[in-house]
Amino acid sequence: MKQTDSFYDNIYRAVRQIPRGRVATYGQIAAMAGNGNAARAVGNALHRNPTPGVIPCHRVVNAKGRLAPHFAFGGDEEQRRLLEAEGVAVHDHHVDLQRYQYRGEVPCK
């Protein structure tokens, strides 16, 4: 990564690595972006996602697999719909991380 990249750029790059049908946690994305202690910053960045159709922020859930209660692009029902359209089962606003979590935690450098 170029040193001129902002942390938000790193976050967006990490989120784009999550394949269809998989999810990642806020903390996981923070680590992939270079700061494992910045899970809240990931939430802030995704809330400001400049290109929701390109940066699949709907694939990011909390550490327990819970959907974002205030998903910026239509609420948790829209996040659920988008995930289910990719084959991710959602039950009671949660995703089974054992089954659907992206395991390719390679830093995006």
Protein backbone atom coordinates (compact mmCIF):
# COMPACT_ATOMS: atom_id res chain seq x y z
CA MET A 1 0.00 0.00 0.00
CA LYS A 2 1.16 3.49 -0.69
CA GLN A 3 1.89 5.57 2.36
CA THR A 4 -0.53 8.16 1.02
CA ASP A 5 -3.47 5.76 1.37
CA SER A 6 -5.78 6.71 4.20
CA PHE A 7 -6.95 4.19 6.76
CA TYR A 8 -10.43 4.39 5.20
CA ASP A 9 -8.91 3.45 1.84
CA ASN A 10 -7.30 0.45 3.53
CA ILE A 11 -10.65 -0.50 5.06
CA TYR A 12 -12.43 -0.28 1.71
CA ARG A 13 -9.69 -2.35 0.08
CA ALA A 14 -10.04 -5.02 2.80
CA VAL A 15 -13.84 -5.14 2.47
CA ARG A 16 -13.54 -5.64 -1.28
CA GLN A 17 -11.55 -8.82 -0.53
CA ILE A 18 -14.54 -10.51 1.12
CA PRO A 19 -15.97 -12.91 -1.47
CA ARG A 20 -19.67 -13.31 -2.25
CA GLY A 21 -21.34 -15.64 0.21
CA ARG A 22 -18.92 -14.80 3.03
CA VAL A 23 -18.79 -12.24 5.84
CA ALA A 24 -16.06 -10.67 7.95
CA THR A 25 -16.21 -8.92 11.30
CA TYR A 26 -15.44 -5.27 11.98
CA GLY A 27 -12.37 -6.31 13.99
CA GLN A 28 -11.20 -8.62 11.24
CA ILE A 29 -11.44 -5.80 8.68
CA ALA A 30 -9.61 -3.45 11.05
CA ALA A 31 -6.75 -5.97 11.32
CA MET A 32 -6.68 -6.49 7.56
CA ALA A 33 -6.50 -2.71 7.13
CA GLY A 34 -3.56 -2.42 9.50
CA ASN A 35 -5.02 -1.59 12.93
CA GLY A 36 -6.74 -4.45 14.76
CA ASN A 37 -7.92 -2.06 17.49
CA ALA A 38 -9.97 0.11 15.13
CA ALA A 39 -13.23 -1.85 14.76
CA ARG A 40 -15.28 1.30 15.46
CA ALA A 41 -13.40 3.16 12.73
CA VAL A 42 -14.40 0.37 10.33
CA GLY A 43 -18.05 1.00 11.22
CA ASN A 44 -17.60 4.71 10.63
CA ALA A 45 -15.88 4.13 7.30
CA LEU A 46 -18.58 1.75 6.11
CA HIS A 47 -21.30 4.16 7.13
CA ARG A 48 -19.62 6.63 4.77
CA ASN A 49 -19.04 4.07 2.01
CA PRO A 50 -18.68 6.16 -1.16
CA THR A 51 -19.58 3.27 -3.51
CA PRO A 52 -21.89 0.71 -1.85
CA GLY A 53 -22.26 -1.26 -5.08
CA VAL A 54 -18.49 -1.65 -5.33
CA ILE A 55 -17.49 -1.87 -1.66
CA PRO A 56 -19.71 -4.66 -0.26
CA CYS A 57 -20.17 -3.29 3.25
CA HIS A 58 -23.19 -5.56 3.72
CA ARG A 59 -20.68 -8.42 4.18
CA VAL A 60 -19.39 -6.96 7.46
CA VAL A 61 -20.98 -8.07 10.75
CA ASN A 62 -20.08 -7.74 14.41
CA ALA A 63 -17.90 -10.19 16.36
CA LYS A 64 -20.93 -12.35 17.19
CA GLY A 65 -22.22 -12.40 13.61
CA ARG A 66 -24.96 -9.84 14.23
CA LEU A 67 -26.10 -7.63 11.38
CA ALA A 68 -25.65 -3.88 11.67
CA PRO A 69 -28.78 -2.50 13.36
CA HIS A 70 -28.25 0.79 11.54
CA PHE A 71 -26.97 -0.47 8.19
CA ALA A 72 -26.48 2.81 6.33
CA PHE A 73 -27.97 1.59 3.06
CA GLY A 74 -31.44 0.43 4.03
CA GLY A 75 -31.26 -0.94 7.58
CA ASP A 76 -30.60 -4.47 8.79
CA GLU A 77 -33.42 -5.89 6.66
CA GLU A 78 -31.62 -4.68 3.54
CA GLN A 79 -28.35 -6.12 4.81
CA ARG A 80 -30.16 -9.42 5.43
CA ARG A 81 -31.65 -9.36 1.94
CA LEU A 82 -28.28 -8.70 0.31
CA LEU A 83 -26.56 -11.47 2.28
CA GLU A 84 -29.33 -13.99 1.60
CA ALA A 85 -29.14 -13.15 -2.11
CA GLU A 86 -25.51 -14.32 -1.92
CA GLY A 87 -26.44 -17.55 -0.17
CA VAL A 88 -25.69 -16.50 3.42
CA ALA A 89 -28.33 -17.75 5.86
CA VAL A 90 -29.46 -15.14 8.37
CA HIS A 91 -31.38 -16.22 11.47
CA ASP A 92 -32.67 -13.72 14.02
CA HIS A 93 -30.40 -10.99 12.58
CA HIS A 94 -27.30 -13.19 12.96
CA VAL A 95 -24.97 -15.04 10.61
CA ASP A 96 -23.23 -18.28 11.62
CA LEU A 97 -19.58 -17.22 11.63
CA GLN A 98 -18.39 -20.81 11.80
CA ARG A 99 -20.01 -21.41 8.44
CA TYR A 100 -19.77 -18.08 6.60
CA GLN A 101 -16.78 -16.15 7.96
CA TYR A 102 -14.13 -15.28 5.39
CA ARG A 103 -10.87 -16.92 6.43
CA GLY A 104 -8.49 -15.30 3.95
CA GLU A 105 -7.11 -12.84 6.49
CA VAL A 106 -4.24 -11.62 4.36
CA PRO A 107 -3.24 -8.00 5.01
CA CYS A 108 -4.11 -5.82 2.04
CA LYS A 109 -0.59 -4.40 1.71
